Protein backbone atom coordinates (compact mmCIF):
# COMPACT_ATOMS: atom_id res chain seq x y z
CA UNK A 1 0.00 0.00 0.00
CA UNK A 2 1.10 3.51 -0.69
CA UNK A 3 -0.42 6.96 -0.86
CA UNK A 4 -0.06 8.87 -4.10
CA UNK A 5 0.26 12.64 -4.47
CA UNK A 6 -3.55 13.02 -4.38
CA UNK A 7 -3.72 11.24 -0.98
CA UNK A 8 -5.37 8.16 -2.47
CA UNK A 9 -4.70 4.77 -0.91
CA UNK A 10 -3.22 2.69 -3.73
CA UNK A 11 -2.99 -1.11 -3.58
CA UNK A 12 -1.83 -3.73 -6.06
CA UNK A 13 -4.54 -6.14 -4.88
CA UNK A 14 -7.65 -6.03 -2.70
CA UNK A 15 -6.83 -5.01 0.88
CA UNK A 16 -7.89 -7.38 3.67
CA UNK A 17 -8.33 -4.70 6.35
CA UNK A 18 -9.44 -1.07 6.10
CA UNK A 19 -6.70 1.39 6.99
CA UNK A 20 -9.17 3.83 8.56
CA UNK A 21 -11.36 1.61 10.77
CA UNK A 22 -9.72 -1.86 10.75
CA UNK A 23 -12.87 -3.45 9.30
CA UNK A 24 -12.50 -6.60 7.21
CA UNK A 25 -15.61 -5.74 5.16
CA UNK A 26 -13.97 -4.61 1.92
CA UNK A 27 -16.17 -4.59 -1.19
CA UNK A 28 -15.08 -4.69 -4.82
CA UNK A 29 -16.50 -1.97 -7.06
CA UNK A 30 -18.52 -3.03 -10.11
CA UNK A 31 -18.95 -0.55 -12.96
CA UNK A 32 -21.91 -0.44 -15.35
CA UNK A 33 -25.68 -0.33 -15.21
CA UNK A 34 -26.81 -2.73 -12.48
CA UNK A 35 -28.75 -5.81 -13.50
CA UNK A 36 -30.92 -7.84 -11.14
CA UNK A 37 -27.99 -10.19 -10.60
CA UNK A 38 -25.66 -7.28 -9.76
CA UNK A 39 -28.16 -5.85 -7.27
CA UNK A 40 -28.28 -9.23 -5.53
CA UNK A 41 -24.47 -9.21 -5.43
CA UNK A 42 -24.47 -5.74 -3.82
CA UNK A 43 -26.73 -7.01 -1.03
CA UNK A 44 -24.06 -9.54 0.02
CA UNK A 45 -21.63 -6.73 0.90
CA UNK A 46 -18.88 -8.27 -1.24
CA UNK A 47 -19.54 -5.86 -4.12
CA UNK A 48 -20.50 -2.19 -4.39
CA UNK A 49 -21.85 -0.10 -7.29
CA UNK A 50 -19.31 2.31 -8.78
CA UNK A 51 -21.43 4.03 -11.42
CA UNK A 52 -21.90 3.41 -15.10
CA UNK A 53 -18.67 4.96 -16.42
CA UNK A 54 -15.10 3.92 -15.76
CA UNK A 55 -12.86 6.97 -15.45
CA UNK A 56 -9.68 6.84 -17.51
CA UNK A 57 -7.27 8.16 -14.90
CA UNK A 58 -3.91 6.89 -13.72
CA UNK A 59 -5.63 5.40 -10.66
CA UNK A 60 -9.11 3.92 -10.56
CA UNK A 61 -11.41 3.15 -7.62
CA UNK A 62 -11.35 -0.58 -7.12
CA UNK A 63 -12.51 -1.29 -3.56
CA UNK A 64 -14.28 0.36 -0.64
CA UNK A 65 -14.86 -0.25 3.06
CA UNK A 66 -18.44 -1.22 3.90
CA UNK A 67 -18.12 0.26 7.39
CA UNK A 68 -16.50 3.71 6.92
CA UNK A 69 -16.77 4.19 3.15
CA UNK A 70 -13.03 4.64 2.51
CA UNK A 71 -12.04 4.20 -1.14
CA UNK A 72 -9.03 2.18 -2.26
CA UNK A 73 -7.45 2.53 -5.68
CA UNK A 74 -5.29 0.51 -8.01
CA UNK A 75 -3.07 1.69 -10.81
CA UNK A 76 -5.06 1.61 -14.02
CA UNK A 77 -3.91 -0.63 -16.82
CA UNK A 78 -4.28 1.75 -19.72
CA UNK A 79 -3.46 0.55 -23.22
PDB file of N, CA and C in Angstrom:
ATOM      1  N   UNK A   1       0.840  -1.173   0.000  1.00  0.00           N
ATOM      2  CA  UNK A   1       0.000   0.000   0.000  1.00  0.00           C
ATOM      3  C   UNK A   1       0.881   1.229   0.000  1.00  0.00           C
ATOM      4  N   UNK A   2       0.421   2.220  -0.695  1.00  0.00           N
ATOM      5  CA  UNK A   2       1.096   3.512  -0.690  1.00  0.00           C
ATOM      6  C   UNK A   2       0.056   4.599  -0.896  1.00  0.00           C
ATOM      7  N   UNK A   3       0.443   5.814  -0.589  1.00  0.00           N
ATOM      8  CA  UNK A   3      -0.415   6.962  -0.861  1.00  0.00           C
ATOM      9  C   UNK A   3       0.210   7.721  -2.014  1.00  0.00           C
ATOM     10  N   UNK A   4      -0.601   8.094  -2.990  1.00  0.00           N
ATOM     11  CA  UNK A   4      -0.056   8.866  -4.095  1.00  0.00           C
ATOM     12  C   UNK A   4      -0.153  10.351  -3.773  1.00  0.00           C
ATOM     13  N   UNK A   5       0.226  11.197  -4.710  1.00  0.00           N
ATOM     14  CA  UNK A   5       0.260  12.645  -4.475  1.00  0.00           C
ATOM     15  C   UNK A   5      -1.118  13.236  -4.207  1.00  0.00           C
ATOM     16  N   UNK A   6      -2.179  12.543  -4.609  1.00  0.00           N
ATOM     17  CA  UNK A   6      -3.547  13.021  -4.383  1.00  0.00           C
ATOM     18  C   UNK A   6      -4.138  12.450  -3.092  1.00  0.00           C
ATOM     19  N   UNK A   7      -3.289  11.859  -2.242  1.00  0.00           N
ATOM     20  CA  UNK A   7      -3.720  11.244  -0.980  1.00  0.00           C
ATOM     21  C   UNK A   7      -4.724  10.119  -1.185  1.00  0.00           C
ATOM     22  N   UNK A   8      -4.549   9.341  -2.222  1.00  0.00           N
ATOM     23  CA  UNK A   8      -5.372   8.162  -2.466  1.00  0.00           C
ATOM     24  C   UNK A   8      -4.607   6.938  -1.986  1.00  0.00           C
ATOM     25  N   UNK A   9      -5.310   6.029  -1.326  1.00  0.00           N
ATOM     26  CA  UNK A   9      -4.700   4.773  -0.912  1.00  0.00           C
ATOM     27  C   UNK A   9      -4.633   3.857  -2.123  1.00  0.00           C
ATOM     28  N   UNK A  10      -3.424   3.483  -2.526  1.00  0.00           N
ATOM     29  CA  UNK A  10      -3.217   2.690  -3.729  1.00  0.00           C
ATOM     30  C   UNK A  10      -2.688   1.310  -3.340  1.00  0.00           C
ATOM     31  N   UNK A  11      -3.364   0.279  -3.835  1.00  0.00           N
ATOM     32  CA  UNK A  11      -2.990  -1.107  -3.577  1.00  0.00           C
ATOM     33  C   UNK A  11      -2.792  -1.835  -4.899  1.00  0.00           C
ATOM     34  N   UNK A  12      -1.990  -2.888  -4.878  1.00  0.00           N
ATOM     35  CA  UNK A  12      -1.833  -3.733  -6.060  1.00  0.00           C
ATOM     36  C   UNK A  12      -2.925  -4.788  -6.114  1.00  0.00           C
ATOM     37  N   UNK A  13      -3.441  -5.182  -4.948  1.00  0.00           N
ATOM     38  CA  UNK A  13      -4.544  -6.137  -4.878  1.00  0.00           C
ATOM     39  C   UNK A  13      -5.480  -5.737  -3.726  1.00  0.00           C
ATOM     40  N   UNK A  14      -6.623  -6.386  -3.668  1.00  0.00           N
ATOM     41  CA  UNK A  14      -7.651  -6.027  -2.698  1.00  0.00           C
ATOM     42  C   UNK A  14      -7.105  -6.079  -1.270  1.00  0.00           C
ATOM     43  N   UNK A  15      -7.282  -4.991  -0.515  1.00  0.00           N
ATOM     44  CA  UNK A  15      -6.828  -5.014   0.882  1.00  0.00           C
ATOM     45  C   UNK A  15      -7.712  -5.922   1.731  1.00  0.00           C
ATOM     46  N   UNK A  16      -7.133  -6.498   2.773  1.00  0.00           N
ATOM     47  CA  UNK A  16      -7.891  -7.375   3.667  1.00  0.00           C
ATOM     48  C   UNK A  16      -8.520  -6.597   4.810  1.00  0.00           C
ATOM     49  N   UNK A  17      -7.879  -5.490   5.211  1.00  0.00           N
ATOM     50  CA  UNK A  17      -8.331  -4.698   6.348  1.00  0.00           C
ATOM     51  C   UNK A  17      -8.322  -3.225   5.957  1.00  0.00           C
ATOM     52  N   UNK A  18      -9.350  -2.498   6.365  1.00  0.00           N
ATOM     53  CA  UNK A  18      -9.443  -1.066   6.096  1.00  0.00           C
ATOM     54  C   UNK A  18      -8.409  -0.319   6.932  1.00  0.00           C
ATOM     55  N   UNK A  19      -7.715   0.599   6.311  1.00  0.00           N
ATOM     56  CA  UNK A  19      -6.697   1.393   6.987  1.00  0.00           C
ATOM     57  C   UNK A  19      -7.322   2.360   7.991  1.00  0.00           C
ATOM     58  N   UNK A  20      -8.528   2.837   7.701  1.00  0.00           N
ATOM     59  CA  UNK A  20      -9.172   3.833   8.560  1.00  0.00           C
ATOM     60  C   UNK A  20      -9.831   3.239   9.801  1.00  0.00           C
ATOM     61  N   UNK A  21     -10.541   2.116   9.644  1.00  0.00           N
ATOM     62  CA  UNK A  21     -11.356   1.615  10.767  1.00  0.00           C
ATOM     63  C   UNK A  21     -11.052   0.166  11.157  1.00  0.00           C
ATOM     64  N   UNK A  22     -10.123  -0.469  10.481  1.00  0.00           N
ATOM     65  CA  UNK A  22      -9.724  -1.863  10.752  1.00  0.00           C
ATOM     66  C   UNK A  22     -10.813  -2.885  10.461  1.00  0.00           C
ATOM     67  N   UNK A  23     -11.813  -2.523   9.683  1.00  0.00           N
ATOM     68  CA  UNK A  23     -12.868  -3.455   9.298  1.00  0.00           C
ATOM     69  C   UNK A  23     -12.336  -4.428   8.237  1.00  0.00           C
ATOM     70  N   UNK A  24     -12.876  -5.628   8.240  1.00  0.00           N
ATOM     71  CA  UNK A  24     -12.503  -6.603   7.208  1.00  0.00           C
ATOM     72  C   UNK A  24     -13.542  -6.643   6.088  1.00  0.00           C
ATOM     73  N   UNK A  25     -14.553  -5.783   6.160  1.00  0.00           N
ATOM     74  CA  UNK A  25     -15.614  -5.741   5.155  1.00  0.00           C
ATOM     75  C   UNK A  25     -15.245  -4.857   3.982  1.00  0.00           C
ATOM     76  N   UNK A  26     -14.418  -5.363   3.096  1.00  0.00           N
ATOM     77  CA  UNK A  26     -13.973  -4.613   1.919  1.00  0.00           C
ATOM     78  C   UNK A  26     -14.731  -5.133   0.703  1.00  0.00           C
ATOM     79  N   UNK A  27     -15.382  -4.224  -0.015  1.00  0.00           N
ATOM     80  CA  UNK A  27     -16.173  -4.587  -1.193  1.00  0.00           C
ATOM     81  C   UNK A  27     -15.436  -4.200  -2.472  1.00  0.00           C
ATOM     82  N   UNK A  28     -15.644  -4.970  -3.505  1.00  0.00           N
ATOM     83  CA  UNK A  28     -15.082  -4.694  -4.822  1.00  0.00           C
ATOM     84  C   UNK A  28     -16.088  -3.882  -5.621  1.00  0.00           C
ATOM     85  N   UNK A  29     -15.620  -2.791  -6.235  1.00  0.00           N
ATOM     86  CA  UNK A  29     -16.504  -1.968  -7.057  1.00  0.00           C
ATOM     87  C   UNK A  29     -16.823  -2.671  -8.370  1.00  0.00           C
ATOM     88  N   UNK A  30     -18.080  -2.534  -8.808  1.00  0.00           N
ATOM     89  CA  UNK A  30     -18.518  -3.031 -10.108  1.00  0.00           C
ATOM     90  C   UNK A  30     -19.060  -1.844 -10.893  1.00  0.00           C
ATOM     91  N   UNK A  31     -18.538  -1.650 -12.089  1.00  0.00           N
ATOM     92  CA  UNK A  31     -18.953  -0.554 -12.964  1.00  0.00           C
ATOM     93  C   UNK A  31     -20.014  -1.041 -13.945  1.00  0.00           C
ATOM     94  N   UNK A  32     -20.886  -0.129 -14.363  1.00  0.00           N
ATOM     95  CA  UNK A  32     -21.908  -0.443 -15.353  1.00  0.00           C
ATOM     96  C   UNK A  32     -23.301  -0.283 -14.784  1.00  0.00           C
ATOM     97  N   UNK A  33     -24.290  -0.392 -15.645  1.00  0.00           N
ATOM     98  CA  UNK A  33     -25.679  -0.333 -15.207  1.00  0.00           C
ATOM     99  C   UNK A  33     -26.007  -1.624 -14.470  1.00  0.00           C
ATOM    100  N   UNK A  34     -26.568  -1.514 -13.263  1.00  0.00           N
ATOM    101  CA  UNK A  34     -26.806  -2.729 -12.475  1.00  0.00           C
ATOM    102  C   UNK A  34     -27.964  -3.572 -13.008  1.00  0.00           C
ATOM    103  N   UNK A  35     -27.715  -4.843 -13.137  1.00  0.00           N
ATOM    104  CA  UNK A  35     -28.754  -5.805 -13.502  1.00  0.00           C
ATOM    105  C   UNK A  35     -29.338  -6.369 -12.206  1.00  0.00           C
ATOM    106  N   UNK A  36     -30.345  -7.207 -12.325  1.00  0.00           N
ATOM    107  CA  UNK A  36     -30.918  -7.836 -11.136  1.00  0.00           C
ATOM    108  C   UNK A  36     -29.875  -8.696 -10.421  1.00  0.00           C
ATOM    109  N   UNK A  37     -29.037  -9.364 -11.184  1.00  0.00           N
ATOM    110  CA  UNK A  37     -27.986 -10.191 -10.600  1.00  0.00           C
ATOM    111  C   UNK A  37     -26.980  -9.322  -9.840  1.00  0.00           C
ATOM    112  N   UNK A  38     -26.610  -8.175 -10.421  1.00  0.00           N
ATOM    113  CA  UNK A  38     -25.660  -7.277  -9.761  1.00  0.00           C
ATOM    114  C   UNK A  38     -26.246  -6.727  -8.470  1.00  0.00           C
ATOM    115  N   UNK A  39     -27.507  -6.370  -8.478  1.00  0.00           N
ATOM    116  CA  UNK A  39     -28.158  -5.849  -7.271  1.00  0.00           C
ATOM    117  C   UNK A  39     -28.138  -6.898  -6.163  1.00  0.00           C
ATOM    118  N   UNK A  40     -28.368  -8.149  -6.512  1.00  0.00           N
ATOM    119  CA  UNK A  40     -28.282  -9.231  -5.529  1.00  0.00           C
ATOM    120  C   UNK A  40     -26.861  -9.365  -4.998  1.00  0.00           C
ATOM    121  N   UNK A  41     -25.867  -9.153  -5.850  1.00  0.00           N
ATOM    122  CA  UNK A  41     -24.469  -9.213  -5.427  1.00  0.00           C
ATOM    123  C   UNK A  41     -24.145  -8.069  -4.464  1.00  0.00           C
ATOM    124  N   UNK A  42     -24.704  -6.888  -4.701  1.00  0.00           N
ATOM    125  CA  UNK A  42     -24.467  -5.743  -3.819  1.00  0.00           C
ATOM    126  C   UNK A  42     -24.996  -6.019  -2.413  1.00  0.00           C
ATOM    127  N   UNK A  43     -26.111  -6.723  -2.324  1.00  0.00           N
ATOM    128  CA  UNK A  43     -26.728  -7.013  -1.033  1.00  0.00           C
ATOM    129  C   UNK A  43     -25.871  -7.925  -0.160  1.00  0.00           C
ATOM    130  N   UNK A  44     -24.940  -8.667  -0.754  1.00  0.00           N
ATOM    131  CA  UNK A  44     -24.060  -9.542   0.023  1.00  0.00           C
ATOM    132  C   UNK A  44     -22.978  -8.760   0.747  1.00  0.00           C
ATOM    133  N   UNK A  45     -22.685  -7.538   0.295  1.00  0.00           N
ATOM    134  CA  UNK A  45     -21.625  -6.735   0.900  1.00  0.00           C
ATOM    135  C   UNK A  45     -20.257  -6.998   0.311  1.00  0.00           C
ATOM    136  N   UNK A  46     -20.162  -7.962  -0.611  1.00  0.00           N
ATOM    137  CA  UNK A  46     -18.877  -8.265  -1.236  1.00  0.00           C
ATOM    138  C   UNK A  46     -18.603  -7.364  -2.434  1.00  0.00           C
ATOM    139  N   UNK A  47     -19.651  -6.723  -2.946  1.00  0.00           N
ATOM    140  CA  UNK A  47     -19.538  -5.860  -4.118  1.00  0.00           C
ATOM    141  C   UNK A  47     -20.286  -4.560  -3.861  1.00  0.00           C
ATOM    142  N   UNK A  48     -19.864  -3.497  -4.545  1.00  0.00           N
ATOM    143  CA  UNK A  48     -20.501  -2.187  -4.392  1.00  0.00           C
ATOM    144  C   UNK A  48     -20.627  -1.539  -5.764  1.00  0.00           C
ATOM    145  N   UNK A  49     -21.704  -0.783  -5.997  1.00  0.00           N
ATOM    146  CA  UNK A  49     -21.855  -0.100  -7.289  1.00  0.00           C
ATOM    147  C   UNK A  49     -20.893   1.075  -7.395  1.00  0.00           C
ATOM    148  N   UNK A  50     -20.284   1.238  -8.568  1.00  0.00           N
ATOM    149  CA  UNK A  50     -19.313   2.313  -8.777  1.00  0.00           C
ATOM    150  C   UNK A  50     -19.778   3.317  -9.819  1.00  0.00           C
ATOM    151  N   UNK A  51     -20.957   3.132 -10.372  1.00  0.00           N
ATOM    152  CA  UNK A  51     -21.429   4.027 -11.417  1.00  0.00           C
ATOM    153  C   UNK A  51     -21.344   3.354 -12.771  1.00  0.00           C
ATOM    154  N   UNK A  52     -21.840   4.050 -13.782  1.00  0.00           N
ATOM    155  CA  UNK A  52     -21.900   3.412 -15.096  1.00  0.00           C
ATOM    156  C   UNK A  52     -20.655   3.656 -15.946  1.00  0.00           C
ATOM    157  N   UNK A  53     -19.826   4.620 -15.586  1.00  0.00           N
ATOM    158  CA  UNK A  53     -18.672   4.964 -16.422  1.00  0.00           C
ATOM    159  C   UNK A  53     -17.364   4.773 -15.669  1.00  0.00           C
ATOM    160  N   UNK A  54     -16.443   4.105 -16.302  1.00  0.00           N
ATOM    161  CA  UNK A  54     -15.105   3.920 -15.762  1.00  0.00           C
ATOM    162  C   UNK A  54     -14.262   5.123 -16.156  1.00  0.00           C
ATOM    163  N   UNK A  55     -13.682   5.796 -15.169  1.00  0.00           N
ATOM    164  CA  UNK A  55     -12.861   6.966 -15.451  1.00  0.00           C
ATOM    165  C   UNK A  55     -11.486   6.527 -15.938  1.00  0.00           C
ATOM    166  N   UNK A  56     -10.994   7.180 -16.953  1.00  0.00           N
ATOM    167  CA  UNK A  56      -9.683   6.844 -17.508  1.00  0.00           C
ATOM    168  C   UNK A  56      -8.619   7.741 -16.890  1.00  0.00           C
ATOM    169  N   UNK A  57      -8.307   7.453 -15.635  1.00  0.00           N
ATOM    170  CA  UNK A  57      -7.267   8.163 -14.905  1.00  0.00           C
ATOM    171  C   UNK A  57      -6.126   7.209 -14.611  1.00  0.00           C
ATOM    172  N   UNK A  58      -5.050   7.745 -14.062  1.00  0.00           N
ATOM    173  CA  UNK A  58      -3.913   6.895 -13.719  1.00  0.00           C
ATOM    174  C   UNK A  58      -4.295   5.873 -12.642  1.00  0.00           C
ATOM    175  N   UNK A  59      -5.170   6.282 -11.719  1.00  0.00           N
ATOM    176  CA  UNK A  59      -5.633   5.400 -10.655  1.00  0.00           C
ATOM    177  C   UNK A  59      -7.149   5.290 -10.723  1.00  0.00           C
ATOM    178  N   UNK A  60      -7.667   4.093 -10.529  1.00  0.00           N
ATOM    179  CA  UNK A  60      -9.112   3.921 -10.557  1.00  0.00           C
ATOM    180  C   UNK A  60      -9.595   3.328  -9.238  1.00  0.00           C
ATOM    181  N   UNK A  61     -10.818   3.712  -8.834  1.00  0.00           N
ATOM    182  CA  UNK A  61     -11.409   3.153  -7.624  1.00  0.00           C
ATOM    183  C   UNK A  61     -11.668   1.677  -7.858  1.00  0.00           C
ATOM    184  N   UNK A  62     -11.182   0.856  -6.948  1.00  0.00           N
ATOM    185  CA  UNK A  62     -11.352  -0.581  -7.125  1.00  0.00           C
ATOM    186  C   UNK A  62     -12.086  -1.233  -5.962  1.00  0.00           C
ATOM    187  N   UNK A  63     -11.908  -0.694  -4.743  1.00  0.00           N
ATOM    188  CA  UNK A  63     -12.505  -1.295  -3.558  1.00  0.00           C
ATOM    189  C   UNK A  63     -12.958  -0.199  -2.600  1.00  0.00           C
ATOM    190  N   UNK A  64     -13.854  -0.579  -1.677  1.00  0.00           N
ATOM    191  CA  UNK A  64     -14.282   0.362  -0.639  1.00  0.00           C
ATOM    192  C   UNK A  64     -14.577  -0.396   0.646  1.00  0.00           C
ATOM    193  N   UNK A  65     -14.527   0.319   1.758  1.00  0.00           N
ATOM    194  CA  UNK A  65     -14.858  -0.250   3.058  1.00  0.00           C
ATOM    195  C   UNK A  65     -16.363  -0.140   3.267  1.00  0.00           C
ATOM    196  N   UNK A  66     -16.998  -1.229   3.640  1.00  0.00           N
ATOM    197  CA  UNK A  66     -18.436  -1.222   3.903  1.00  0.00           C
ATOM    198  C   UNK A  66     -18.781  -0.454   5.175  1.00  0.00           C
ATOM    199  N   UNK A  67     -17.841  -0.365   6.097  1.00  0.00           N
ATOM    200  CA  UNK A  67     -18.120   0.265   7.390  1.00  0.00           C
ATOM    201  C   UNK A  67     -17.937   1.782   7.346  1.00  0.00           C
ATOM    202  N   UNK A  68     -16.777   2.267   6.873  1.00  0.00           N
ATOM    203  CA  UNK A  68     -16.497   3.710   6.918  1.00  0.00           C
ATOM    204  C   UNK A  68     -16.564   4.387   5.554  1.00  0.00           C
ATOM    205  N   UNK A  69     -16.648   3.612   4.486  1.00  0.00           N
ATOM    206  CA  UNK A  69     -16.766   4.187   3.151  1.00  0.00           C
ATOM    207  C   UNK A  69     -15.461   4.616   2.505  1.00  0.00           C
ATOM    208  N   UNK A  70     -14.326   4.273   3.088  1.00  0.00           N
ATOM    209  CA  UNK A  70     -13.029   4.636   2.506  1.00  0.00           C
ATOM    210  C   UNK A  70     -12.860   3.974   1.143  1.00  0.00           C
ATOM    211  N   UNK A  71     -12.311   4.728   0.196  1.00  0.00           N
ATOM    212  CA  UNK A  71     -12.043   4.197  -1.143  1.00  0.00           C
ATOM    213  C   UNK A  71     -10.589   3.768  -1.253  1.00  0.00           C
ATOM    214  N   UNK A  72     -10.373   2.689  -1.990  1.00  0.00           N
ATOM    215  CA  UNK A  72      -9.033   2.184  -2.259  1.00  0.00           C
ATOM    216  C   UNK A  72      -8.875   2.073  -3.765  1.00  0.00           C
ATOM    217  N   UNK A  73      -7.711   2.424  -4.253  1.00  0.00           N
ATOM    218  CA  UNK A  73      -7.453   2.528  -5.684  1.00  0.00           C
ATOM    219  C   UNK A  73      -6.401   1.524  -6.121  1.00  0.00           C
ATOM    220  N   UNK A  74      -6.377   1.276  -7.416  1.00  0.00           N
ATOM    221  CA  UNK A  74      -5.290   0.511  -8.014  1.00  0.00           C
ATOM    222  C   UNK A  74      -4.836   1.272  -9.259  1.00  0.00           C
ATOM    223  N   UNK A  75      -3.595   1.029  -9.621  1.00  0.00           N
ATOM    224  CA  UNK A  75      -3.066   1.687 -10.807  1.00  0.00           C
ATOM    225  C   UNK A  75      -3.781   1.132 -12.030  1.00  0.00           C
ATOM    226  N   UNK A  76      -4.302   2.020 -12.845  1.00  0.00           N
ATOM    227  CA  UNK A  76      -5.065   1.608 -14.019  1.00  0.00           C
ATOM    228  C   UNK A  76      -4.138   1.005 -15.061  1.00  0.00           C
ATOM    229  N   UNK A  77      -4.649   0.021 -15.737  1.00  0.00           N
ATOM    230  CA  UNK A  77      -3.912  -0.632 -16.823  1.00  0.00           C
ATOM    231  C   UNK A  77      -4.415  -0.059 -18.132  1.00  0.00           C
ATOM    232  N   UNK A  78      -3.859   1.073 -18.504  1.00  0.00           N
ATOM    233  CA  UNK A  78      -4.283   1.751 -19.724  1.00  0.00           C
ATOM    234  C   UNK A  78      -3.481   1.226 -20.907  1.00  0.00           C
ATOM    235  N   UNK A  79      -4.152   1.035 -22.012  1.00  0.00           N
ATOM    236  CA  UNK A  79      -3.464   0.548 -23.222  1.00  0.00           C
ATOM    237  C   UNK A  79      -2.969   1.689 -24.042  1.00  0.00           C
TER     238      UNK A  79
END
